[in-house]
């Protein structure tokens, strides 16, 4: 089982329907849960898919349209009812933080955890996120209102010790971390053993990009270049693609064009319009532009 997964909690768009929940995802990494967008019913979806409220440390909001934000008061209230402890940081625009504070003062004024706000400037997005092995990088998106996407990725990893060679050269235990960091080994007789004899290449760093509501823009392709998995909104099929630009959205075909230009390994499409009855049609259209395309659905787990 991967220690880096993404669970789709909701992949519908603004107009409610019985096929899909509004936007929300849970990124799980080494026992830590990060919530990406928080449409209505997110807390129910977390329970349905057995994701622990107690492990949630951060919540990232892409923009302040209701289908990405209105589930947040309910989620925080539910977390308090579960007696969640520690600190939870909400990464959000200033207007969203001010609105959320006012709502919580009325509906959930006795939280059991410390609630922090990391205020994001949509024109120059940076997030305050602490982890030794993992980072979150925001990117500007192009919607009708200020909107940001996020890249979740591992930091550079250490090299692997070659056990046989370490034993052959009697490497002391206190030297192991230095070898993992790339140091050579100097023996008592003055010989220097190159690091690449004692270690092997580090495991590749995995990455996931979330691009919620956005018009087709080549700047997005540049920002997510080379990620392993790209989630890109695909609100429309070819038959309604003419609506995309004016509404600040993309078609499935446009999402695939971004994926191809960015050189990603896999594209996951979602944020379907309520008129989309069969996402396989969108996959087929995207597949004409990019080979590895899958349709998001509630409960899908993406293993990085």
C-alpha atoms as a PDB file:
ATOM      1  CA  UNK A   1       0.000   0.000   0.000  1.00  0.00           C
ATOM      2  CA  UNK A   2       1.358   3.423  -1.021  1.00  0.00           C
ATOM      3  CA  UNK A   3       2.037   5.980   1.718  1.00  0.00           C
ATOM      4  CA  UNK A   4       0.992   8.735  -0.719  1.00  0.00           C
ATOM      5  CA  UNK A   5      -2.612   8.510  -1.898  1.00  0.00           C
ATOM      6  CA  UNK A   6      -5.390  10.786  -3.094  1.00  0.00           C
ATOM      7  CA  UNK A   7      -9.034   9.901  -2.407  1.00  0.00           C
ATOM      8  CA  UNK A   8     -11.682  11.609  -4.518  1.00  0.00           C
ATOM      9  CA  UNK A   9     -14.452  12.773  -2.168  1.00  0.00           C
ATOM     10  CA  UNK A  10     -16.341  14.823  -4.733  1.00  0.00           C
ATOM     11  CA  UNK A  11     -15.852  15.598  -8.428  1.00  0.00           C
ATOM     12  CA  UNK A  12     -19.019  17.416  -9.475  1.00  0.00           C
ATOM     13  CA  UNK A  13     -19.348  21.101 -10.301  1.00  0.00           C
ATOM     14  CA  UNK A  14     -21.513  23.895  -8.924  1.00  0.00           C
ATOM     15  CA  UNK A  15     -25.024  22.698  -9.740  1.00  0.00           C
ATOM     16  CA  UNK A  16     -25.982  19.864  -7.325  1.00  0.00           C
ATOM     17  CA  UNK A  17     -26.981  16.506  -8.782  1.00  0.00           C
ATOM     18  CA  UNK A  18     -27.399  12.947  -7.555  1.00  0.00           C
ATOM     19  CA  UNK A  19     -24.419  11.552  -9.482  1.00  0.00           C
ATOM     20  CA  UNK A  20     -21.578  13.505  -7.886  1.00  0.00           C
ATOM     21  CA  UNK A  21     -20.654  15.438  -4.764  1.00  0.00           C
ATOM     22  CA  UNK A  22     -19.034  18.893  -5.044  1.00  0.00           C
ATOM     23  CA  UNK A  23     -15.266  19.254  -5.108  1.00  0.00           C
ATOM     24  CA  UNK A  24     -13.193  17.724  -2.307  1.00  0.00           C
ATOM     25  CA  UNK A  25     -10.192  15.425  -2.077  1.00  0.00           C
ATOM     26  CA  UNK A  26      -8.121  13.877   0.716  1.00  0.00           C
ATOM     27  CA  UNK A  27      -4.359  13.670   0.195  1.00  0.00           C
ATOM     28  CA  UNK A  28      -2.847  11.154   2.612  1.00  0.00           C
ATOM     29  CA  UNK A  29       0.912  11.106   3.134  1.00  0.00           C
ATOM     30  CA  UNK A  30       2.734   9.178   5.863  1.00  0.00           C
ATOM     31  CA  UNK A  31      -0.298   9.181   8.152  1.00  0.00           C
ATOM     32  CA  UNK A  32      -1.097  12.845   7.623  1.00  0.00           C
ATOM     33  CA  UNK A  33      -4.325  13.944   5.881  1.00  0.00           C
ATOM     34  CA  UNK A  34      -4.552  17.115   3.804  1.00  0.00           C
ATOM     35  CA  UNK A  35      -7.982  18.177   2.542  1.00  0.00           C
ATOM     36  CA  UNK A  36      -8.064  19.775  -0.887  1.00  0.00           C
ATOM     37  CA  UNK A  37     -11.195  21.906  -1.345  1.00  0.00           C
ATOM     38  CA  UNK A  38     -14.240  21.333   0.819  1.00  0.00           C
ATOM     39  CA  UNK A  39     -17.614  21.272  -0.911  1.00  0.00           C
ATOM     40  CA  UNK A  40     -20.826  20.487   0.968  1.00  0.00           C
ATOM     41  CA  UNK A  41     -20.885  17.054   2.578  1.00  0.00           C
ATOM     42  CA  UNK A  42     -17.124  16.590   2.785  1.00  0.00           C
ATOM     43  CA  UNK A  43     -17.335  15.369   6.386  1.00  0.00           C
ATOM     44  CA  UNK A  44     -19.844  12.678   5.341  1.00  0.00           C
ATOM     45  CA  UNK A  45     -17.570  11.547   2.517  1.00  0.00           C
ATOM     46  CA  UNK A  46     -14.613  11.269   4.881  1.00  0.00           C
ATOM     47  CA  UNK A  47     -16.662   8.979   7.104  1.00  0.00           C
ATOM     48  CA  UNK A  48     -17.938   6.990   4.131  1.00  0.00           C
ATOM     49  CA  UNK A  49     -14.413   6.295   2.893  1.00  0.00           C
ATOM     50  CA  UNK A  50     -12.923   5.688   6.365  1.00  0.00           C
ATOM     51  CA  UNK A  51     -10.537   8.643   6.483  1.00  0.00           C
ATOM     52  CA  UNK A  52      -9.710   9.739  10.023  1.00  0.00           C
ATOM     53  CA  UNK A  53     -10.732  13.234  11.113  1.00  0.00           C
ATOM     54  CA  UNK A  54      -7.995  13.097  13.755  1.00  0.00           C
ATOM     55  CA  UNK A  55      -5.250  12.962  11.093  1.00  0.00           C
ATOM     56  CA  UNK A  56      -6.330  16.128   9.277  1.00  0.00           C
ATOM     57  CA  UNK A  57      -3.656  18.812   9.694  1.00  0.00           C
ATOM     58  CA  UNK A  58      -4.272  21.151   6.760  1.00  0.00           C
ATOM     59  CA  UNK A  59      -7.165  22.239   4.533  1.00  0.00           C
ATOM     60  CA  UNK A  60      -6.426  23.955   1.217  1.00  0.00           C
ATOM     61  CA  UNK A  61      -9.085  26.027  -0.536  1.00  0.00           C
ATOM     62  CA  UNK A  62      -8.657  26.819  -4.231  1.00  0.00           C
ATOM     63  CA  UNK A  63     -11.240  29.612  -4.402  1.00  0.00           C
ATOM     64  CA  UNK A  64     -14.378  30.919  -2.760  1.00  0.00           C
ATOM     65  CA  UNK A  65     -17.135  29.534  -4.957  1.00  0.00           C
ATOM     66  CA  UNK A  66     -19.575  27.569  -2.822  1.00  0.00           C
ATOM     67  CA  UNK A  67     -18.947  24.150  -4.339  1.00  0.00           C
ATOM     68  CA  UNK A  68     -15.320  24.381  -3.171  1.00  0.00           C
ATOM     69  CA  UNK A  69     -15.812  26.123   0.176  1.00  0.00           C
ATOM     70  CA  UNK A  70     -19.245  25.723   1.771  1.00  0.00           C
ATOM     71  CA  UNK A  71     -18.486  22.354   3.357  1.00  0.00           C
ATOM     72  CA  UNK A  72     -15.750  23.860   5.509  1.00  0.00           C
ATOM     73  CA  UNK A  73     -17.876  25.069   8.459  1.00  0.00           C
ATOM     74  CA  UNK A  74     -19.545  21.664   8.632  1.00  0.00           C
ATOM     75  CA  UNK A  75     -16.252  19.781   8.468  1.00  0.00           C
ATOM     76  CA  UNK A  76     -14.668  21.849  11.249  1.00  0.00           C
ATOM     77  CA  UNK A  77     -17.797  21.461  13.390  1.00  0.00           C
ATOM     78  CA  UNK A  78     -17.765  17.701  12.870  1.00  0.00           C
ATOM     79  CA  UNK A  79     -14.079  17.525  13.753  1.00  0.00           C
ATOM     80  CA  UNK A  80     -14.869  19.277  17.041  1.00  0.00           C
ATOM     81  CA  UNK A  81     -17.660  16.774  17.728  1.00  0.00           C
ATOM     82  CA  UNK A  82     -15.039  14.045  17.243  1.00  0.00           C
ATOM     83  CA  UNK A  83     -12.811  15.852  19.791  1.00  0.00           C
ATOM     84  CA  UNK A  84      -9.976  16.287  17.321  1.00  0.00           C
ATOM     85  CA  UNK A  85      -6.882  17.694  19.017  1.00  0.00           C
ATOM     86  CA  UNK A  86      -3.779  19.540  17.857  1.00  0.00           C
ATOM     87  CA  UNK A  87      -3.625  22.257  15.213  1.00  0.00           C
ATOM     88  CA  UNK A  88      -5.522  22.486  11.940  1.00  0.00           C
ATOM     89  CA  UNK A  89      -4.398  25.077   9.389  1.00  0.00           C
ATOM     90  CA  UNK A  90      -6.771  26.414   6.741  1.00  0.00           C
ATOM     91  CA  UNK A  91      -4.959  27.836   3.711  1.00  0.00           C
ATOM     92  CA  UNK A  92      -7.346  30.361   2.209  1.00  0.00           C
ATOM     93  CA  UNK A  93      -7.787  33.889   0.852  1.00  0.00           C
ATOM     94  CA  UNK A  94      -8.317  36.696   3.365  1.00  0.00           C
ATOM     95  CA  UNK A  95     -12.010  37.165   2.519  1.00  0.00           C
ATOM     96  CA  UNK A  96     -12.636  33.457   3.080  1.00  0.00           C
ATOM     97  CA  UNK A  97     -10.892  33.470   6.456  1.00  0.00           C
ATOM     98  CA  UNK A  98     -12.929  36.448   7.634  1.00  0.00           C
ATOM     99  CA  UNK A  99     -16.186  34.866   6.492  1.00  0.00           C
ATOM    100  CA  UNK A 100     -15.332  31.514   8.062  1.00  0.00           C
ATOM    101  CA  UNK A 101     -14.497  33.126  11.407  1.00  0.00           C
ATOM    102  CA  UNK A 102     -17.896  34.810  11.482  1.00  0.00           C
ATOM    103  CA  UNK A 103     -19.707  31.579  10.646  1.00  0.00           C
ATOM    104  CA  UNK A 104     -17.812  29.591  13.283  1.00  0.00           C
ATOM    105  CA  UNK A 105     -18.552  32.222  15.922  1.00  0.00           C
ATOM    106  CA  UNK A 106     -22.207  31.292  15.456  1.00  0.00           C
ATOM    107  CA  UNK A 107     -22.231  27.565  14.683  1.00  0.00           C
ATOM    108  CA  UNK A 108     -19.009  26.177  16.238  1.00  0.00           C
ATOM    109  CA  UNK A 109     -17.501  28.562  18.739  1.00  0.00           C
ATOM    110  CA  UNK A 110     -16.031  25.797  20.952  1.00  0.00           C
ATOM    111  CA  UNK A 111     -13.528  23.948  18.793  1.00  0.00           C
ATOM    112  CA  UNK A 112     -11.450  21.233  20.449  1.00  0.00           C
ATOM    113  CA  UNK A 113      -8.403  22.012  18.312  1.00  0.00           C
ATOM    114  CA  UNK A 114      -6.395  25.114  17.513  1.00  0.00           C
ATOM    115  CA  UNK A 115      -7.562  26.630  14.230  1.00  0.00           C
ATOM    116  CA  UNK A 116      -4.960  28.607  12.268  1.00  0.00           C
ATOM    117  CA  UNK A 117      -5.304  30.552   9.048  1.00  0.00           C
ATOM    118  CA  UNK A 118      -2.619  30.800   6.393  1.00  0.00           C
ATOM    119  CA  UNK A 119      -3.651  33.757   4.225  1.00  0.00           C
ATOM    120  CA  UNK A 120      -2.877  33.278   0.532  1.00  0.00           C
ATOM    121  CA  UNK A 121      -2.326  36.115  -1.913  1.00  0.00           C
ATOM    122  CA  UNK A 122      -3.951  34.879  -5.148  1.00  0.00           C
ATOM    123  CA  UNK A 123      -1.671  37.057  -7.273  1.00  0.00           C
ATOM    124  CA  UNK A 124       1.508  35.781  -5.626  1.00  0.00           C
ATOM    125  CA  UNK A 125       0.497  32.526  -3.917  1.00  0.00           C
ATOM    126  CA  UNK A 126       2.747  31.047  -1.241  1.00  0.00           C
ATOM    127  CA  UNK A 127       1.706  28.644   1.516  1.00  0.00           C
ATOM    128  CA  UNK A 128       3.053  28.161   5.023  1.00  0.00           C
ATOM    129  CA  UNK A 129       3.405  24.392   5.288  1.00  0.00           C
ATOM    130  CA  UNK A 130       5.917  22.532   7.440  1.00  0.00           C
ATOM    131  CA  UNK A 131       7.168  19.036   6.644  1.00  0.00           C
ATOM    132  CA  UNK A 132      10.659  17.598   6.425  1.00  0.00           C
ATOM    133  CA  UNK A 133       9.813  15.304   3.514  1.00  0.00           C
ATOM    134  CA  UNK A 134       6.848  16.908   1.742  1.00  0.00           C
ATOM    135  CA  UNK A 135       5.966  20.303   0.270  1.00  0.00           C
ATOM    136  CA  UNK A 136       2.916  22.090  -1.108  1.00  0.00           C
ATOM    137  CA  UNK A 137       3.417  24.590  -3.906  1.00  0.00           C
ATOM    138  CA  UNK A 138       0.505  26.801  -5.032  1.00  0.00           C
ATOM    139  CA  UNK A 139       0.038  27.996  -8.603  1.00  0.00           C
ATOM    140  CA  UNK A 140      -2.162  30.654 -10.122  1.00  0.00           C
ATOM    141  CA  UNK A 141      -5.243  29.478 -12.043  1.00  0.00           C
ATOM    142  CA  UNK A 142      -7.460  31.446 -14.427  1.00  0.00           C
ATOM    143  CA  UNK A 143     -11.075  31.449 -13.307  1.00  0.00           C
ATOM    144  CA  UNK A 144     -13.769  34.147 -13.014  1.00  0.00           C
ATOM    145  CA  UNK A 145     -12.603  34.946  -9.481  1.00  0.00           C
ATOM    146  CA  UNK A 146      -9.173  34.561  -7.826  1.00  0.00           C
ATOM    147  CA  UNK A 147      -8.233  30.886  -7.829  1.00  0.00           C
ATOM    148  CA  UNK A 148      -5.147  28.797  -7.091  1.00  0.00           C
ATOM    149  CA  UNK A 149      -4.144  25.211  -7.696  1.00  0.00           C
ATOM    150  CA  UNK A 150      -1.679  23.194  -5.650  1.00  0.00           C
ATOM    151  CA  UNK A 151       1.181  20.779  -6.286  1.00  0.00           C
ATOM    152  CA  UNK A 152       1.773  18.197  -3.549  1.00  0.00           C
ATOM    153  CA  UNK A 153       5.203  16.641  -3.857  1.00  0.00           C
ATOM    154  CA  UNK A 154       7.948  14.884  -1.984  1.00  0.00           C
ATOM    155  CA  UNK A 155      11.183  16.700  -1.301  1.00  0.00           C
ATOM    156  CA  UNK A 156      14.506  15.274  -2.442  1.00  0.00           C
ATOM    157  CA  UNK A 157      15.110  11.828  -0.972  1.00  0.00           C
ATOM    158  CA  UNK A 158      18.238  10.297   0.510  1.00  0.00           C
ATOM    159  CA  UNK A 159      20.318   7.682  -1.278  1.00  0.00           C
ATOM    160  CA  UNK A 160      19.969   4.005  -0.317  1.00  0.00           C
ATOM    161  CA  UNK A 161      22.766   2.197   1.518  1.00  0.00           C
ATOM    162  CA  UNK A 162      24.262  -0.749  -0.336  1.00  0.00           C
ATOM    163  CA  UNK A 163      24.346  -3.180   2.581  1.00  0.00           C
ATOM    164  CA  UNK A 164      26.920  -5.560   1.125  1.00  0.00           C
ATOM    165  CA  UNK A 165      29.402  -2.822   0.270  1.00  0.00           C
ATOM    166  CA  UNK A 166      28.889  -1.060   3.611  1.00  0.00           C
ATOM    167  CA  UNK A 167      29.666  -4.345   5.363  1.00  0.00           C
ATOM    168  CA  UNK A 168      32.693  -4.986   3.114  1.00  0.00           C
ATOM    169  CA  UNK A 169      34.218  -1.618   4.029  1.00  0.00           C
ATOM    170  CA  UNK A 170      33.172  -1.844   7.702  1.00  0.00           C
ATOM    171  CA  UNK A 171      31.275   1.441   7.558  1.00  0.00           C
ATOM    172  CA  UNK A 172      30.469   2.562  11.118  1.00  0.00           C
ATOM    173  CA  UNK A 173      26.817   3.212  11.914  1.00  0.00           C
ATOM    174  CA  UNK A 174      27.423   6.886  12.666  1.00  0.00           C
ATOM    175  CA  UNK A 175      28.514   7.366   9.023  1.00  0.00           C
ATOM    176  CA  UNK A 176      25.318   6.002   7.463  1.00  0.00           C
ATOM    177  CA  UNK A 177      23.406   9.278   7.371  1.00  0.00           C
ATOM    178  CA  UNK A 178      26.371  11.042   5.783  1.00  0.00           C
ATOM    179  CA  UNK A 179      26.468   8.390   3.075  1.00  0.00           C
ATOM    180  CA  UNK A 180      22.729   8.777   2.485  1.00  0.00           C
ATOM    181  CA  UNK A 181      23.374  12.506   2.007  1.00  0.00           C
ATOM    182  CA  UNK A 182      26.037  11.781  -0.654  1.00  0.00           C
ATOM    183  CA  UNK A 183      29.323  11.870   1.272  1.00  0.00           C
ATOM    184  CA  UNK A 184      32.279   9.723   0.269  1.00  0.00           C
ATOM    185  CA  UNK A 185      33.965   7.404   2.785  1.00  0.00           C
ATOM    186  CA  UNK A 186      37.561   7.983   3.858  1.00  0.00           C
ATOM    187  CA  UNK A 187      39.199   4.839   5.193  1.00  0.00           C
ATOM    188  CA  UNK A 188      41.852   4.820   7.976  1.00  0.00           C
ATOM    189  CA  UNK A 189      44.590   4.109   5.380  1.00  0.00           C
ATOM    190  CA  UNK A 190      43.638   7.282   3.485  1.00  0.00           C
ATOM    191  CA  UNK A 191      41.760   5.674   0.606  1.00  0.00           C
ATOM    192  CA  UNK A 192      38.525   7.389  -0.416  1.00  0.00           C
ATOM    193  CA  UNK A 193      35.599   5.181  -1.436  1.00  0.00           C
ATOM    194  CA  UNK A 194      33.209   7.073  -3.761  1.00  0.00           C
ATOM    195  CA  UNK A 195      29.666   7.373  -2.536  1.00  0.00           C
ATOM    196  CA  UNK A 196      28.194   5.640  -5.585  1.00  0.00           C
ATOM    197  CA  UNK A 197      29.961   2.408  -4.596  1.00  0.00           C
ATOM    198  CA  UNK A 198      28.377   2.448  -1.135  1.00  0.00           C
ATOM    199  CA  UNK A 199      24.912   3.653  -2.065  1.00  0.00           C
ATOM    200  CA  UNK A 200      22.304   3.413  -4.816  1.00  0.00           C
ATOM    201  CA  UNK A 201      20.104   6.071  -6.362  1.00  0.00           C
ATOM    202  CA  UNK A 202      17.294   7.500  -4.202  1.00  0.00           C
ATOM    203  CA  UNK A 203      13.695   6.583  -4.931  1.00  0.00           C
ATOM    204  CA  UNK A 204      12.035   9.065  -7.301  1.00  0.00           C
ATOM    205  CA  UNK A 205      10.076  11.905  -5.697  1.00  0.00           C
ATOM    206  CA  UNK A 206       6.340  11.575  -6.316  1.00  0.00           C
ATOM    207  CA  UNK A 207       4.060  14.488  -7.140  1.00  0.00           C
ATOM    208  CA  UNK A 208       0.376  15.321  -7.586  1.00  0.00           C
ATOM    209  CA  UNK A 209      -1.108  18.509  -9.030  1.00  0.00           C
ATOM    210  CA  UNK A 210      -4.645  19.742  -8.391  1.00  0.00           C
ATOM    211  CA  UNK A 211      -6.019  22.244 -10.877  1.00  0.00           C
ATOM    212  CA  UNK A 212      -9.568  23.137 -10.006  1.00  0.00           C
ATOM    213  CA  UNK A 213     -11.607  25.745 -11.880  1.00  0.00           C
ATOM    214  CA  UNK A 214      -9.528  27.272 -14.664  1.00  0.00           C
ATOM    215  CA  UNK A 215      -9.673  28.270 -18.282  1.00  0.00           C
ATOM    216  CA  UNK A 216      -7.238  26.646 -20.681  1.00  0.00           C
ATOM    217  CA  UNK A 217      -3.891  28.362 -20.128  1.00  0.00           C
ATOM    218  CA  UNK A 218      -0.390  27.325 -21.159  1.00  0.00           C
ATOM    219  CA  UNK A 219       0.974  28.910 -17.971  1.00  0.00           C
ATOM    220  CA  UNK A 220      -0.763  26.115 -16.073  1.00  0.00           C
ATOM    221  CA  UNK A 221       0.982  23.502 -18.221  1.00  0.00           C
ATOM    222  CA  UNK A 222       4.323  25.110 -17.435  1.00  0.00           C
ATOM    223  CA  UNK A 223       3.585  25.228 -13.695  1.00  0.00           C
ATOM    224  CA  UNK A 224       2.694  21.511 -13.440  1.00  0.00           C
ATOM    225  CA  UNK A 225       5.398  20.305 -15.809  1.00  0.00           C
ATOM    226  CA  UNK A 226       6.553  16.760 -15.113  1.00  0.00           C
ATOM    227  CA  UNK A 227       4.212  15.853 -12.242  1.00  0.00           C
ATOM    228  CA  UNK A 228       3.241  12.213 -11.902  1.00  0.00           C
ATOM    229  CA  UNK A 229      -0.528  12.747 -11.742  1.00  0.00           C
ATOM    230  CA  UNK A 230      -2.487  15.820 -12.788  1.00  0.00           C
ATOM    231  CA  UNK A 231      -6.087  16.384 -11.709  1.00  0.00           C
ATOM    232  CA  UNK A 232      -7.501  18.985 -14.080  1.00  0.00           C
ATOM    233  CA  UNK A 233     -11.066  20.232 -14.185  1.00  0.00           C
ATOM    234  CA  UNK A 234     -12.974  19.053 -17.267  1.00  0.00           C
ATOM    235  CA  UNK A 235     -16.355  20.646 -16.862  1.00  0.00           C
ATOM    236  CA  UNK A 236     -17.473  20.235 -20.462  1.00  0.00           C
ATOM    237  CA  UNK A 237     -17.362  17.863 -23.387  1.00  0.00           C
ATOM    238  CA  UNK A 238     -16.766  18.962 -26.945  1.00  0.00           C
ATOM    239  CA  UNK A 239     -20.468  19.700 -27.415  1.00  0.00           C
ATOM    240  CA  UNK A 240     -20.372  22.510 -24.823  1.00  0.00           C
ATOM    241  CA  UNK A 241     -16.734  23.549 -25.061  1.00  0.00           C
ATOM    242  CA  UNK A 242     -17.857  26.953 -26.377  1.00  0.00           C
ATOM    243  CA  UNK A 243     -19.003  27.757 -22.822  1.00  0.00           C
ATOM    244  CA  UNK A 244     -15.619  27.102 -21.224  1.00  0.00           C
ATOM    245  CA  UNK A 245     -13.746  30.365 -21.685  1.00  0.00           C
ATOM    246  CA  UNK A 246     -16.600  32.675 -20.697  1.00  0.00           C
ATOM    247  CA  UNK A 247     -17.264  30.704 -17.536  1.00  0.00           C
ATOM    248  CA  UNK A 248     -13.624  30.217 -16.586  1.00  0.00           C
ATOM    249  CA  UNK A 249     -13.592  26.473 -17.172  1.00  0.00           C
ATOM    250  CA  UNK A 250     -12.007  23.857 -19.427  1.00  0.00           C
ATOM    251  CA  UNK A 251     -13.195  21.018 -21.598  1.00  0.00           C
ATOM    252  CA  UNK A 252     -11.861  17.488 -21.216  1.00  0.00           C
ATOM    253  CA  UNK A 253      -9.970  17.916 -24.478  1.00  0.00           C
ATOM    254  CA  UNK A 254      -8.323  21.099 -23.207  1.00  0.00           C
ATOM    255  CA  UNK A 255      -7.338  19.355 -19.972  1.00  0.00           C
ATOM    256  CA  UNK A 256      -5.647  16.652 -22.035  1.00  0.00           C
ATOM    257  CA  UNK A 257      -3.800  19.267 -24.076  1.00  0.00           C
ATOM    258  CA  UNK A 258      -2.449  20.706 -20.819  1.00  0.00           C
ATOM    259  CA  UNK A 259      -1.401  17.216 -19.678  1.00  0.00           C
ATOM    260  CA  UNK A 260       0.395  16.552 -22.967  1.00  0.00           C
ATOM    261  CA  UNK A 261       2.237  19.863 -22.934  1.00  0.00           C
ATOM    262  CA  UNK A 262       3.194  19.386 -19.276  1.00  0.00           C
ATOM    263  CA  UNK A 263       4.542  15.878 -19.887  1.00  0.00           C
ATOM    264  CA  UNK A 264       2.664  14.357 -16.946  1.00  0.00           C
ATOM    265  CA  UNK A 265       2.320  10.606 -16.502  1.00  0.00           C
ATOM    266  CA  UNK A 266      -1.422  10.454 -15.839  1.00  0.00           C
ATOM    267  CA  UNK A 267      -4.392  12.779 -16.194  1.00  0.00           C
ATOM    268  CA  UNK A 268      -7.443  12.542 -13.937  1.00  0.00           C
ATOM    269  CA  UNK A 269     -10.441  14.545 -15.129  1.00  0.00           C
ATOM    270  CA  UNK A 270     -13.287  15.782 -12.950  1.00  0.00           C
ATOM    271  CA  UNK A 271     -15.507  18.734 -11.939  1.00  0.00           C
ATOM    272  CA  UNK A 272     -18.147  17.543 -14.376  1.00  0.00           C
ATOM    273  CA  UNK A 273     -21.036  19.733 -15.443  1.00  0.00           C
ATOM    274  CA  UNK A 274     -24.402  18.464 -14.230  1.00  0.00           C
ATOM    275  CA  UNK A 275     -25.349  17.775 -17.860  1.00  0.00           C
ATOM    276  CA  UNK A 276     -22.564  15.191 -18.198  1.00  0.00           C
ATOM    277  CA  UNK A 277     -24.299  11.844 -17.822  1.00  0.00           C
ATOM    278  CA  UNK A 278     -21.401   9.588 -18.841  1.00  0.00           C
ATOM    279  CA  UNK A 279     -17.821  10.620 -18.069  1.00  0.00           C
ATOM    280  CA  UNK A 280     -16.523   7.937 -20.445  1.00  0.00           C
ATOM    281  CA  UNK A 281     -17.389  10.289 -23.308  1.00  0.00           C
ATOM    282  CA  UNK A 282     -15.090  12.921 -21.803  1.00  0.00           C
ATOM    283  CA  UNK A 283     -12.344  10.320 -21.370  1.00  0.00           C
ATOM    284  CA  UNK A 284     -12.664   9.375 -25.040  1.00  0.00           C
ATOM    285  CA  UNK A 285     -12.368  13.006 -26.137  1.00  0.00           C
ATOM    286  CA  UNK A 286      -9.394  13.639 -23.855  1.00  0.00           C
ATOM    287  CA  UNK A 287      -7.837  10.385 -25.038  1.00  0.00           C
ATOM    288  CA  UNK A 288      -7.505  11.804 -28.541  1.00  0.00           C
ATOM    289  CA  UNK A 289      -5.015  14.321 -27.109  1.00  0.00           C
ATOM    290  CA  UNK A 290      -3.315  12.356 -24.305  1.00  0.00           C
ATOM    291  CA  UNK A 291      -3.082   8.604 -23.786  1.00  0.00           C
ATOM    292  CA  UNK A 292      -3.312   8.015 -20.034  1.00  0.00           C
ATOM    293  CA  UNK A 293      -6.653   9.503 -18.937  1.00  0.00           C
ATOM    294  CA  UNK A 294      -9.016   8.337 -16.196  1.00  0.00           C
ATOM    295  CA  UNK A 295     -12.311   9.774 -14.983  1.00  0.00           C
ATOM    296  CA  UNK A 296     -12.573  10.753 -11.327  1.00  0.00           C
ATOM    297  CA  UNK A 297     -15.368   9.239  -9.304  1.00  0.00           C
ATOM    298  CA  UNK A 298     -16.247   9.407  -5.616  1.00  0.00           C
ATOM    299  CA  UNK A 299     -14.249   6.839  -3.661  1.00  0.00           C
ATOM    300  CA  UNK A 300     -11.491   6.506  -6.265  1.00  0.00           C
ATOM    301  CA  UNK A 301      -8.067   6.147  -4.643  1.00  0.00           C
ATOM    302  CA  UNK A 302      -5.063   7.297  -6.634  1.00  0.00           C
ATOM    303  CA  UNK A 303      -1.808   5.725  -5.460  1.00  0.00           C
ATOM    304  CA  UNK A 304       1.314   7.720  -6.203  1.00  0.00           C
END
